N, C-alpha and C. Protein backbone atom coordinates (compact mmCIF):
# COMPACT_ATOMS: atom_id res chain seq x y z
N MET A 1 60.80 -79.84 -4.65
CA MET A 1 61.14 -78.55 -5.22
C MET A 1 61.74 -78.73 -6.62
N HIS A 2 62.66 -79.68 -6.75
CA HIS A 2 63.30 -79.87 -8.05
C HIS A 2 62.33 -80.44 -9.08
N SER A 3 61.35 -81.22 -8.61
CA SER A 3 60.37 -81.74 -9.57
C SER A 3 59.49 -80.62 -10.12
N PHE A 4 59.14 -79.64 -9.28
CA PHE A 4 58.39 -78.49 -9.77
C PHE A 4 59.22 -77.69 -10.78
N MET A 5 60.49 -77.51 -10.45
CA MET A 5 61.35 -76.75 -11.37
C MET A 5 61.55 -77.50 -12.68
N GLY A 6 61.68 -78.83 -12.61
CA GLY A 6 61.82 -79.63 -13.83
C GLY A 6 60.57 -79.56 -14.69
N GLY A 7 59.40 -79.66 -14.04
CA GLY A 7 58.15 -79.53 -14.79
C GLY A 7 57.98 -78.15 -15.39
N GLY A 8 58.38 -77.14 -14.62
CA GLY A 8 58.31 -75.77 -15.12
C GLY A 8 59.26 -75.55 -16.29
N LEU A 9 60.45 -76.13 -16.18
CA LEU A 9 61.41 -75.99 -17.27
C LEU A 9 60.92 -76.68 -18.53
N PHE A 10 60.31 -77.85 -18.38
CA PHE A 10 59.74 -78.55 -19.53
C PHE A 10 58.65 -77.70 -20.19
N CYS A 11 57.72 -77.18 -19.37
CA CYS A 11 56.64 -76.33 -19.91
C CYS A 11 57.21 -75.10 -20.60
N ALA A 12 58.24 -74.51 -20.01
CA ALA A 12 58.82 -73.29 -20.57
C ALA A 12 59.51 -73.56 -21.90
N ILE A 13 60.25 -74.64 -21.98
CA ILE A 13 60.94 -74.96 -23.24
C ILE A 13 59.92 -75.24 -24.35
N VAL A 14 58.91 -76.04 -24.04
CA VAL A 14 57.86 -76.32 -25.03
C VAL A 14 57.14 -75.02 -25.40
N GLY A 15 56.82 -74.20 -24.40
CA GLY A 15 56.15 -72.93 -24.65
C GLY A 15 56.97 -72.00 -25.52
N ASN A 16 58.29 -71.95 -25.28
CA ASN A 16 59.14 -71.07 -26.08
C ASN A 16 59.24 -71.56 -27.52
N ILE A 17 59.33 -72.87 -27.72
CA ILE A 17 59.34 -73.42 -29.08
C ILE A 17 58.03 -73.07 -29.79
N LEU A 18 56.91 -73.24 -29.09
CA LEU A 18 55.62 -72.92 -29.69
C LEU A 18 55.50 -71.43 -30.01
N LEU A 19 56.04 -70.57 -29.15
CA LEU A 19 56.01 -69.13 -29.42
C LEU A 19 56.78 -68.80 -30.69
N VAL A 20 57.95 -69.38 -30.84
CA VAL A 20 58.77 -69.10 -32.02
C VAL A 20 58.10 -69.63 -33.28
N VAL A 21 57.58 -70.86 -33.22
CA VAL A 21 56.91 -71.45 -34.39
C VAL A 21 55.66 -70.65 -34.75
N SER A 22 54.88 -70.30 -33.75
CA SER A 22 53.66 -69.54 -33.99
C SER A 22 53.96 -68.18 -34.62
N THR A 23 54.97 -67.52 -34.11
CA THR A 23 55.32 -66.19 -34.62
C THR A 23 55.85 -66.25 -36.05
N ALA A 24 56.60 -67.29 -36.36
CA ALA A 24 57.29 -67.36 -37.66
C ALA A 24 56.44 -67.93 -38.79
N THR A 25 55.38 -68.68 -38.49
CA THR A 25 54.64 -69.36 -39.55
C THR A 25 53.49 -68.51 -40.09
N ASP A 26 52.99 -68.93 -41.24
CA ASP A 26 52.03 -68.13 -42.00
C ASP A 26 50.60 -68.65 -41.94
N TYR A 27 50.22 -69.31 -40.87
CA TYR A 27 48.88 -69.89 -40.80
C TYR A 27 48.10 -69.38 -39.60
N TRP A 28 48.07 -68.08 -39.42
CA TRP A 28 47.26 -67.51 -38.34
C TRP A 28 45.79 -67.47 -38.76
N MET A 29 45.55 -67.25 -40.03
CA MET A 29 44.18 -67.15 -40.52
C MET A 29 44.12 -67.73 -41.93
N GLN A 30 43.04 -68.46 -42.22
CA GLN A 30 42.80 -68.98 -43.56
C GLN A 30 41.46 -68.44 -44.04
N TYR A 31 41.39 -68.14 -45.33
CA TYR A 31 40.15 -67.61 -45.89
C TYR A 31 40.08 -67.94 -47.36
N ARG A 32 38.90 -67.73 -47.91
CA ARG A 32 38.67 -67.96 -49.34
C ARG A 32 38.58 -66.58 -49.99
N LEU A 33 39.39 -66.40 -51.01
CA LEU A 33 39.44 -65.12 -51.72
C LEU A 33 39.35 -65.40 -53.22
N SER A 34 38.32 -64.90 -53.85
CA SER A 34 38.10 -65.09 -55.29
C SER A 34 38.09 -66.57 -55.68
N GLY A 35 37.47 -67.38 -54.85
CA GLY A 35 37.33 -68.80 -55.17
C GLY A 35 38.52 -69.66 -54.80
N SER A 36 39.64 -69.08 -54.40
CA SER A 36 40.79 -69.89 -54.00
C SER A 36 41.11 -69.64 -52.53
N PHE A 37 41.79 -70.61 -51.94
CA PHE A 37 42.13 -70.49 -50.53
C PHE A 37 43.39 -69.65 -50.35
N ALA A 38 43.40 -68.88 -49.28
CA ALA A 38 44.55 -68.06 -48.94
C ALA A 38 44.78 -68.18 -47.44
N HIS A 39 45.98 -67.88 -47.02
CA HIS A 39 46.28 -67.87 -45.60
C HIS A 39 47.29 -66.77 -45.31
N GLN A 40 47.31 -66.33 -44.06
CA GLN A 40 48.23 -65.27 -43.70
C GLN A 40 48.76 -65.50 -42.30
N GLY A 41 49.94 -64.95 -42.09
CA GLY A 41 50.57 -64.96 -40.79
C GLY A 41 50.88 -63.53 -40.38
N LEU A 42 51.82 -63.39 -39.47
CA LEU A 42 52.19 -62.05 -39.02
C LEU A 42 53.15 -61.37 -39.99
N TRP A 43 53.82 -62.14 -40.83
CA TRP A 43 54.85 -61.57 -41.69
C TRP A 43 54.51 -61.68 -43.17
N ARG A 44 53.75 -62.72 -43.57
CA ARG A 44 53.45 -62.93 -44.99
C ARG A 44 52.00 -63.36 -45.16
N TYR A 45 51.52 -63.20 -46.37
CA TYR A 45 50.22 -63.77 -46.76
C TYR A 45 50.45 -64.55 -48.05
N CYS A 46 49.67 -65.61 -48.21
CA CYS A 46 49.86 -66.51 -49.34
C CYS A 46 48.54 -66.71 -50.07
N MET A 47 48.60 -66.57 -51.40
CA MET A 47 47.43 -66.78 -52.26
C MET A 47 47.87 -67.54 -53.49
N SER A 48 47.08 -68.51 -53.88
CA SER A 48 47.32 -69.30 -55.09
C SER A 48 48.73 -69.89 -55.12
N GLY A 49 49.21 -70.34 -53.99
CA GLY A 49 50.51 -71.00 -53.94
C GLY A 49 51.70 -70.07 -53.86
N LYS A 50 51.49 -68.75 -53.90
CA LYS A 50 52.60 -67.80 -53.81
C LYS A 50 52.46 -66.99 -52.53
N CYS A 51 53.58 -66.74 -51.89
CA CYS A 51 53.57 -65.96 -50.65
C CYS A 51 54.22 -64.61 -50.87
N TYR A 52 53.67 -63.61 -50.22
CA TYR A 52 54.14 -62.23 -50.35
C TYR A 52 54.37 -61.64 -48.96
N MET A 53 55.38 -60.81 -48.86
CA MET A 53 55.65 -60.14 -47.58
C MET A 53 54.55 -59.11 -47.32
N GLN A 54 54.18 -58.99 -46.05
CA GLN A 54 53.21 -57.96 -45.69
C GLN A 54 53.97 -56.65 -45.51
N THR A 55 53.89 -55.81 -46.50
CA THR A 55 54.64 -54.56 -46.46
C THR A 55 53.86 -53.42 -45.82
N ASP A 56 52.56 -53.63 -45.63
CA ASP A 56 51.76 -52.60 -44.97
C ASP A 56 52.14 -52.53 -43.50
N SER A 57 52.27 -51.33 -43.01
CA SER A 57 52.57 -51.15 -41.58
C SER A 57 51.26 -50.92 -40.85
N ILE A 58 50.58 -52.01 -40.57
CA ILE A 58 49.29 -51.95 -39.89
C ILE A 58 49.55 -52.14 -38.40
N ALA A 59 48.95 -51.29 -37.59
CA ALA A 59 49.26 -51.23 -36.16
C ALA A 59 49.03 -52.55 -35.44
N TYR A 60 47.94 -53.24 -35.74
CA TYR A 60 47.67 -54.46 -34.98
C TYR A 60 48.66 -55.57 -35.33
N TRP A 61 49.14 -55.62 -36.58
CA TRP A 61 50.17 -56.60 -36.92
C TRP A 61 51.46 -56.26 -36.19
N ASN A 62 51.83 -54.99 -36.21
CA ASN A 62 53.05 -54.57 -35.52
C ASN A 62 52.98 -54.85 -34.03
N ALA A 63 51.83 -54.58 -33.42
CA ALA A 63 51.67 -54.83 -31.99
C ALA A 63 51.72 -56.33 -31.70
N THR A 64 51.05 -57.12 -32.51
CA THR A 64 51.06 -58.57 -32.31
C THR A 64 52.47 -59.12 -32.47
N ARG A 65 53.17 -58.68 -33.51
CA ARG A 65 54.55 -59.12 -33.72
C ARG A 65 55.43 -58.75 -32.53
N ALA A 66 55.33 -57.51 -32.09
CA ALA A 66 56.17 -57.03 -30.98
C ALA A 66 55.90 -57.82 -29.71
N PHE A 67 54.63 -58.03 -29.38
CA PHE A 67 54.32 -58.76 -28.15
C PHE A 67 54.73 -60.23 -28.25
N MET A 68 54.61 -60.84 -29.42
CA MET A 68 55.04 -62.23 -29.56
C MET A 68 56.56 -62.34 -29.42
N ILE A 69 57.29 -61.39 -29.99
CA ILE A 69 58.75 -61.41 -29.87
C ILE A 69 59.16 -61.16 -28.42
N LEU A 70 58.54 -60.19 -27.76
CA LEU A 70 58.84 -59.92 -26.36
C LEU A 70 58.51 -61.13 -25.49
N SER A 71 57.43 -61.81 -25.81
CA SER A 71 57.05 -63.00 -25.06
C SER A 71 58.11 -64.09 -25.20
N ALA A 72 58.57 -64.33 -26.41
CA ALA A 72 59.60 -65.36 -26.62
C ALA A 72 60.89 -64.98 -25.91
N MET A 73 61.25 -63.70 -25.94
CA MET A 73 62.48 -63.27 -25.28
C MET A 73 62.38 -63.39 -23.77
N SER A 74 61.25 -63.01 -23.19
CA SER A 74 61.11 -63.12 -21.73
C SER A 74 61.01 -64.58 -21.31
N CYS A 75 60.41 -65.42 -22.13
CA CYS A 75 60.36 -66.85 -21.84
C CYS A 75 61.77 -67.43 -21.88
N PHE A 76 62.58 -67.02 -22.84
CA PHE A 76 63.96 -67.49 -22.93
C PHE A 76 64.77 -67.04 -21.71
N ALA A 77 64.57 -65.79 -21.29
CA ALA A 77 65.25 -65.30 -20.08
C ALA A 77 64.81 -66.10 -18.86
N GLY A 78 63.54 -66.45 -18.80
CA GLY A 78 63.05 -67.29 -17.71
C GLY A 78 63.66 -68.68 -17.74
N ILE A 79 63.86 -69.23 -18.94
CA ILE A 79 64.50 -70.54 -19.07
C ILE A 79 65.92 -70.48 -18.53
N ILE A 80 66.65 -69.43 -18.87
CA ILE A 80 68.03 -69.27 -18.37
C ILE A 80 68.01 -69.18 -16.84
N ALA A 81 67.13 -68.34 -16.29
CA ALA A 81 67.01 -68.23 -14.83
C ALA A 81 66.57 -69.55 -14.22
N GLY A 82 65.70 -70.27 -14.90
CA GLY A 82 65.24 -71.56 -14.40
C GLY A 82 66.34 -72.59 -14.37
N ILE A 83 67.19 -72.59 -15.39
CA ILE A 83 68.33 -73.52 -15.39
C ILE A 83 69.30 -73.15 -14.28
N LEU A 84 69.55 -71.85 -14.12
CA LEU A 84 70.46 -71.41 -13.06
C LEU A 84 69.91 -71.68 -11.67
N SER A 85 68.60 -71.82 -11.54
CA SER A 85 68.02 -72.06 -10.22
C SER A 85 68.34 -73.46 -9.70
N PHE A 86 68.78 -74.35 -10.58
CA PHE A 86 69.21 -75.67 -10.13
C PHE A 86 70.57 -75.60 -9.43
N ALA A 87 71.37 -74.60 -9.78
CA ALA A 87 72.69 -74.44 -9.16
C ALA A 87 72.56 -73.61 -7.89
N HIS A 88 73.43 -73.85 -6.95
CA HIS A 88 73.39 -73.12 -5.68
C HIS A 88 74.67 -72.31 -5.54
N PHE A 89 74.60 -71.03 -5.87
CA PHE A 89 75.74 -70.14 -5.71
C PHE A 89 75.54 -69.31 -4.47
N SER A 90 76.54 -69.23 -3.63
CA SER A 90 76.40 -68.46 -2.39
C SER A 90 76.33 -66.96 -2.67
N ALA A 91 76.85 -66.50 -3.80
CA ALA A 91 76.82 -65.07 -4.12
C ALA A 91 75.39 -64.59 -4.39
N PHE A 92 74.49 -65.51 -4.73
CA PHE A 92 73.12 -65.14 -5.06
C PHE A 92 72.14 -65.54 -3.96
N GLU A 93 72.59 -65.55 -2.73
CA GLU A 93 71.74 -66.02 -1.64
C GLU A 93 70.51 -65.14 -1.44
N ARG A 94 70.63 -63.84 -1.68
CA ARG A 94 69.48 -62.95 -1.48
C ARG A 94 68.58 -62.88 -2.71
N PHE A 95 69.04 -63.41 -3.81
CA PHE A 95 68.28 -63.36 -5.06
C PHE A 95 67.83 -64.78 -5.40
N ASN A 96 66.55 -65.04 -5.34
CA ASN A 96 66.04 -66.37 -5.61
C ASN A 96 65.75 -66.51 -7.09
N ARG A 97 66.50 -67.38 -7.75
CA ARG A 97 66.36 -67.54 -9.20
C ARG A 97 65.06 -68.23 -9.60
N SER A 98 64.52 -69.10 -8.75
CA SER A 98 63.26 -69.74 -9.11
C SER A 98 62.12 -68.72 -9.09
N PHE A 99 62.18 -67.77 -8.17
CA PHE A 99 61.19 -66.69 -8.16
C PHE A 99 61.33 -65.81 -9.40
N ALA A 100 62.57 -65.47 -9.76
CA ALA A 100 62.82 -64.66 -10.96
C ALA A 100 62.34 -65.38 -12.22
N ALA A 101 62.59 -66.69 -12.30
CA ALA A 101 62.14 -67.46 -13.46
C ALA A 101 60.61 -67.46 -13.53
N GLY A 102 59.95 -67.65 -12.39
CA GLY A 102 58.49 -67.62 -12.37
C GLY A 102 57.93 -66.29 -12.84
N ILE A 103 58.55 -65.21 -12.38
CA ILE A 103 58.11 -63.87 -12.81
C ILE A 103 58.31 -63.69 -14.31
N MET A 104 59.44 -64.16 -14.84
CA MET A 104 59.68 -64.03 -16.28
C MET A 104 58.66 -64.83 -17.09
N PHE A 105 58.26 -65.98 -16.58
CA PHE A 105 57.26 -66.78 -17.29
C PHE A 105 55.89 -66.10 -17.24
N PHE A 106 55.57 -65.47 -16.12
CA PHE A 106 54.30 -64.73 -16.05
C PHE A 106 54.33 -63.49 -16.95
N VAL A 107 55.48 -62.84 -17.07
CA VAL A 107 55.62 -61.70 -17.99
C VAL A 107 55.45 -62.19 -19.43
N SER A 108 56.04 -63.34 -19.74
CA SER A 108 55.87 -63.93 -21.07
C SER A 108 54.40 -64.24 -21.34
N THR A 109 53.71 -64.77 -20.34
CA THR A 109 52.28 -65.06 -20.47
C THR A 109 51.49 -63.79 -20.75
N LEU A 110 51.83 -62.72 -20.04
CA LEU A 110 51.14 -61.45 -20.25
C LEU A 110 51.35 -60.94 -21.68
N PHE A 111 52.59 -61.01 -22.16
CA PHE A 111 52.87 -60.54 -23.51
C PHE A 111 52.14 -61.35 -24.58
N VAL A 112 52.13 -62.67 -24.44
CA VAL A 112 51.44 -63.48 -25.45
C VAL A 112 49.94 -63.28 -25.34
N LEU A 113 49.42 -63.05 -24.14
CA LEU A 113 47.99 -62.75 -23.98
C LEU A 113 47.64 -61.45 -24.69
N LEU A 114 48.47 -60.43 -24.54
CA LEU A 114 48.22 -59.16 -25.24
C LEU A 114 48.26 -59.35 -26.75
N ALA A 115 49.25 -60.10 -27.23
CA ALA A 115 49.36 -60.34 -28.68
C ALA A 115 48.14 -61.07 -29.21
N MET A 116 47.73 -62.11 -28.52
CA MET A 116 46.60 -62.90 -28.99
C MET A 116 45.29 -62.11 -28.89
N ALA A 117 45.14 -61.31 -27.85
CA ALA A 117 43.92 -60.51 -27.70
C ALA A 117 43.82 -59.45 -28.80
N ILE A 118 44.93 -58.80 -29.09
CA ILE A 118 44.93 -57.79 -30.15
C ILE A 118 44.59 -58.43 -31.49
N TYR A 119 45.27 -59.52 -31.82
CA TYR A 119 45.03 -60.18 -33.09
C TYR A 119 43.60 -60.69 -33.19
N THR A 120 43.11 -61.31 -32.13
CA THR A 120 41.75 -61.85 -32.14
C THR A 120 40.71 -60.74 -32.30
N GLY A 121 40.87 -59.68 -31.53
CA GLY A 121 39.90 -58.59 -31.58
C GLY A 121 39.81 -57.94 -32.95
N VAL A 122 40.95 -57.64 -33.54
CA VAL A 122 40.94 -56.99 -34.85
C VAL A 122 40.47 -57.95 -35.93
N THR A 123 40.90 -59.19 -35.85
CA THR A 123 40.50 -60.16 -36.87
C THR A 123 39.00 -60.38 -36.86
N VAL A 124 38.43 -60.56 -35.69
CA VAL A 124 36.99 -60.82 -35.61
C VAL A 124 36.19 -59.58 -36.02
N ASN A 125 36.61 -58.41 -35.57
CA ASN A 125 35.83 -57.19 -35.84
C ASN A 125 36.05 -56.60 -37.22
N PHE A 126 37.24 -56.75 -37.79
CA PHE A 126 37.51 -56.13 -39.07
C PHE A 126 37.60 -57.15 -40.20
N LEU A 127 38.53 -58.07 -40.11
CA LEU A 127 38.72 -59.02 -41.20
C LEU A 127 37.60 -60.04 -41.27
N GLY A 128 37.02 -60.38 -40.13
CA GLY A 128 35.92 -61.34 -40.12
C GLY A 128 34.73 -60.86 -40.91
N LYS A 129 34.51 -59.55 -40.94
CA LYS A 129 33.40 -58.99 -41.71
C LYS A 129 33.78 -58.82 -43.18
N ARG A 130 35.09 -58.68 -43.44
CA ARG A 130 35.56 -58.47 -44.81
C ARG A 130 35.55 -59.77 -45.60
N PHE A 131 35.92 -60.86 -44.95
CA PHE A 131 35.95 -62.16 -45.60
C PHE A 131 34.82 -63.00 -45.02
N GLY A 132 34.00 -63.56 -45.89
CA GLY A 132 32.88 -64.35 -45.42
C GLY A 132 33.27 -65.72 -44.92
N ASP A 133 34.15 -66.39 -45.62
CA ASP A 133 34.53 -67.76 -45.30
C ASP A 133 35.98 -67.75 -44.78
N TRP A 134 36.13 -67.62 -43.48
CA TRP A 134 37.47 -67.57 -42.89
C TRP A 134 37.48 -68.34 -41.58
N ARG A 135 38.68 -68.65 -41.10
CA ARG A 135 38.85 -69.29 -39.80
C ARG A 135 40.27 -69.06 -39.31
N PHE A 136 40.43 -69.14 -38.00
CA PHE A 136 41.77 -69.11 -37.42
C PHE A 136 42.42 -70.45 -37.73
N SER A 137 43.74 -70.43 -37.85
CA SER A 137 44.44 -71.65 -38.24
C SER A 137 45.45 -72.08 -37.17
N TRP A 138 46.29 -73.03 -37.51
CA TRP A 138 47.11 -73.72 -36.52
C TRP A 138 48.19 -72.84 -35.89
N SER A 139 48.74 -71.87 -36.59
CA SER A 139 49.74 -70.98 -35.98
C SER A 139 49.11 -70.17 -34.85
N TYR A 140 47.90 -69.73 -35.08
CA TYR A 140 47.14 -68.99 -34.07
C TYR A 140 46.87 -69.88 -32.85
N ILE A 141 46.48 -71.11 -33.08
CA ILE A 141 46.20 -72.04 -32.00
C ILE A 141 47.47 -72.33 -31.20
N LEU A 142 48.61 -72.45 -31.88
CA LEU A 142 49.87 -72.66 -31.18
C LEU A 142 50.18 -71.49 -30.24
N GLY A 143 49.79 -70.29 -30.64
CA GLY A 143 49.99 -69.13 -29.76
C GLY A 143 49.22 -69.28 -28.46
N TRP A 144 47.98 -69.76 -28.53
CA TRP A 144 47.19 -69.97 -27.31
C TRP A 144 47.76 -71.11 -26.47
N VAL A 145 48.24 -72.16 -27.11
CA VAL A 145 48.85 -73.26 -26.37
C VAL A 145 50.14 -72.78 -25.69
N ALA A 146 50.91 -71.94 -26.37
CA ALA A 146 52.12 -71.37 -25.77
C ALA A 146 51.77 -70.53 -24.55
N LEU A 147 50.66 -69.81 -24.61
CA LEU A 147 50.21 -69.04 -23.45
C LEU A 147 50.00 -69.96 -22.26
N LEU A 148 49.32 -71.07 -22.47
CA LEU A 148 49.09 -72.02 -21.38
C LEU A 148 50.39 -72.60 -20.84
N MET A 149 51.31 -72.93 -21.74
CA MET A 149 52.58 -73.53 -21.31
C MET A 149 53.41 -72.54 -20.49
N THR A 150 53.48 -71.29 -20.90
CA THR A 150 54.26 -70.31 -20.13
C THR A 150 53.58 -70.02 -18.80
N PHE A 151 52.26 -70.02 -18.78
CA PHE A 151 51.54 -69.81 -17.52
C PHE A 151 51.83 -70.95 -16.53
N PHE A 152 51.75 -72.18 -17.01
CA PHE A 152 52.02 -73.31 -16.11
C PHE A 152 53.48 -73.36 -15.69
N ALA A 153 54.38 -72.92 -16.56
CA ALA A 153 55.79 -72.84 -16.16
C ALA A 153 55.94 -71.86 -15.00
N GLY A 154 55.25 -70.72 -15.08
CA GLY A 154 55.28 -69.76 -13.98
C GLY A 154 54.70 -70.34 -12.70
N ILE A 155 53.61 -71.08 -12.82
CA ILE A 155 52.99 -71.71 -11.64
C ILE A 155 53.96 -72.70 -11.01
N PHE A 156 54.59 -73.54 -11.82
CA PHE A 156 55.53 -74.52 -11.30
C PHE A 156 56.70 -73.85 -10.57
N TYR A 157 57.24 -72.79 -11.16
CA TYR A 157 58.38 -72.13 -10.52
C TYR A 157 57.97 -71.38 -9.26
N MET A 158 56.77 -70.86 -9.22
CA MET A 158 56.30 -70.22 -7.99
C MET A 158 56.07 -71.26 -6.89
N CYS A 159 55.59 -72.44 -7.26
CA CYS A 159 55.45 -73.52 -6.28
C CYS A 159 56.82 -73.94 -5.75
N ALA A 160 57.80 -74.03 -6.64
CA ALA A 160 59.16 -74.37 -6.21
C ALA A 160 59.72 -73.31 -5.28
N TYR A 161 59.44 -72.05 -5.58
CA TYR A 161 59.90 -70.95 -4.72
C TYR A 161 59.26 -71.06 -3.34
N ARG A 162 57.96 -71.31 -3.30
CA ARG A 162 57.25 -71.42 -2.02
C ARG A 162 57.79 -72.60 -1.20
N MET A 163 58.07 -73.71 -1.86
CA MET A 163 58.64 -74.85 -1.14
C MET A 163 60.01 -74.51 -0.56
N HIS A 164 60.80 -73.80 -1.34
CA HIS A 164 62.13 -73.39 -0.88
C HIS A 164 62.02 -72.43 0.30
N GLU A 165 61.09 -71.49 0.22
CA GLU A 165 60.90 -70.52 1.31
C GLU A 165 60.41 -71.20 2.57
N CYS A 166 59.50 -72.17 2.42
CA CYS A 166 59.00 -72.90 3.59
C CYS A 166 60.11 -73.70 4.26
N ARG A 167 60.97 -74.30 3.46
CA ARG A 167 62.09 -75.04 4.02
C ARG A 167 63.08 -74.12 4.72
N ARG A 168 63.27 -72.92 4.16
CA ARG A 168 64.21 -71.98 4.74
C ARG A 168 63.71 -71.46 6.08
N VAL A 169 62.40 -71.23 6.20
CA VAL A 169 61.84 -70.71 7.43
C VAL A 169 61.82 -71.79 8.50
N VAL A 170 61.41 -73.00 8.14
CA VAL A 170 61.33 -74.10 9.10
C VAL A 170 62.72 -74.60 9.46
N GLY A 171 63.59 -74.58 8.49
CA GLY A 171 64.96 -75.07 8.70
C GLY A 171 65.13 -76.45 8.14
N PRO A 172 66.38 -76.86 7.95
CA PRO A 172 66.64 -78.20 7.37
C PRO A 172 66.29 -79.29 8.37
N ARG A 173 65.84 -80.38 7.83
CA ARG A 173 65.46 -81.53 8.68
C ARG A 173 66.50 -82.60 8.60
């Protein structure tokens, strides 16, 4: 049980770091504009070595930003619940923290999936046609890797919960 929780905690911490890095960096998409390379993230776009804040309030950027931030926050809450699940407090006997941590990691996975789906859909359908020579970049890829890490963290914590429940039903040996 503790090995599942440890593996889940490792995946969650790595996933949360990747979520924060992905959200904060400016390499979600790279393209060629007027003969020079440019790149953009959720907050800024950079051309010719200078970066500018994205002041336009475009719905898909706002939705992607919001879901990425919500994902990082729910992953962090899951990490806290996951750490607390190692401790055994009698006051929380009816509330299983490993189950709560698993649910928070699955919620984080859902949020990052929504963010990535929105960004991918709009980029491919709108920006992909606007710019001929473009590609997704490493910040975007980190978002997908974070999705996998939070998903596996949820799987690990649900396995730990099931092991705990099976031991509780069968009884201590």
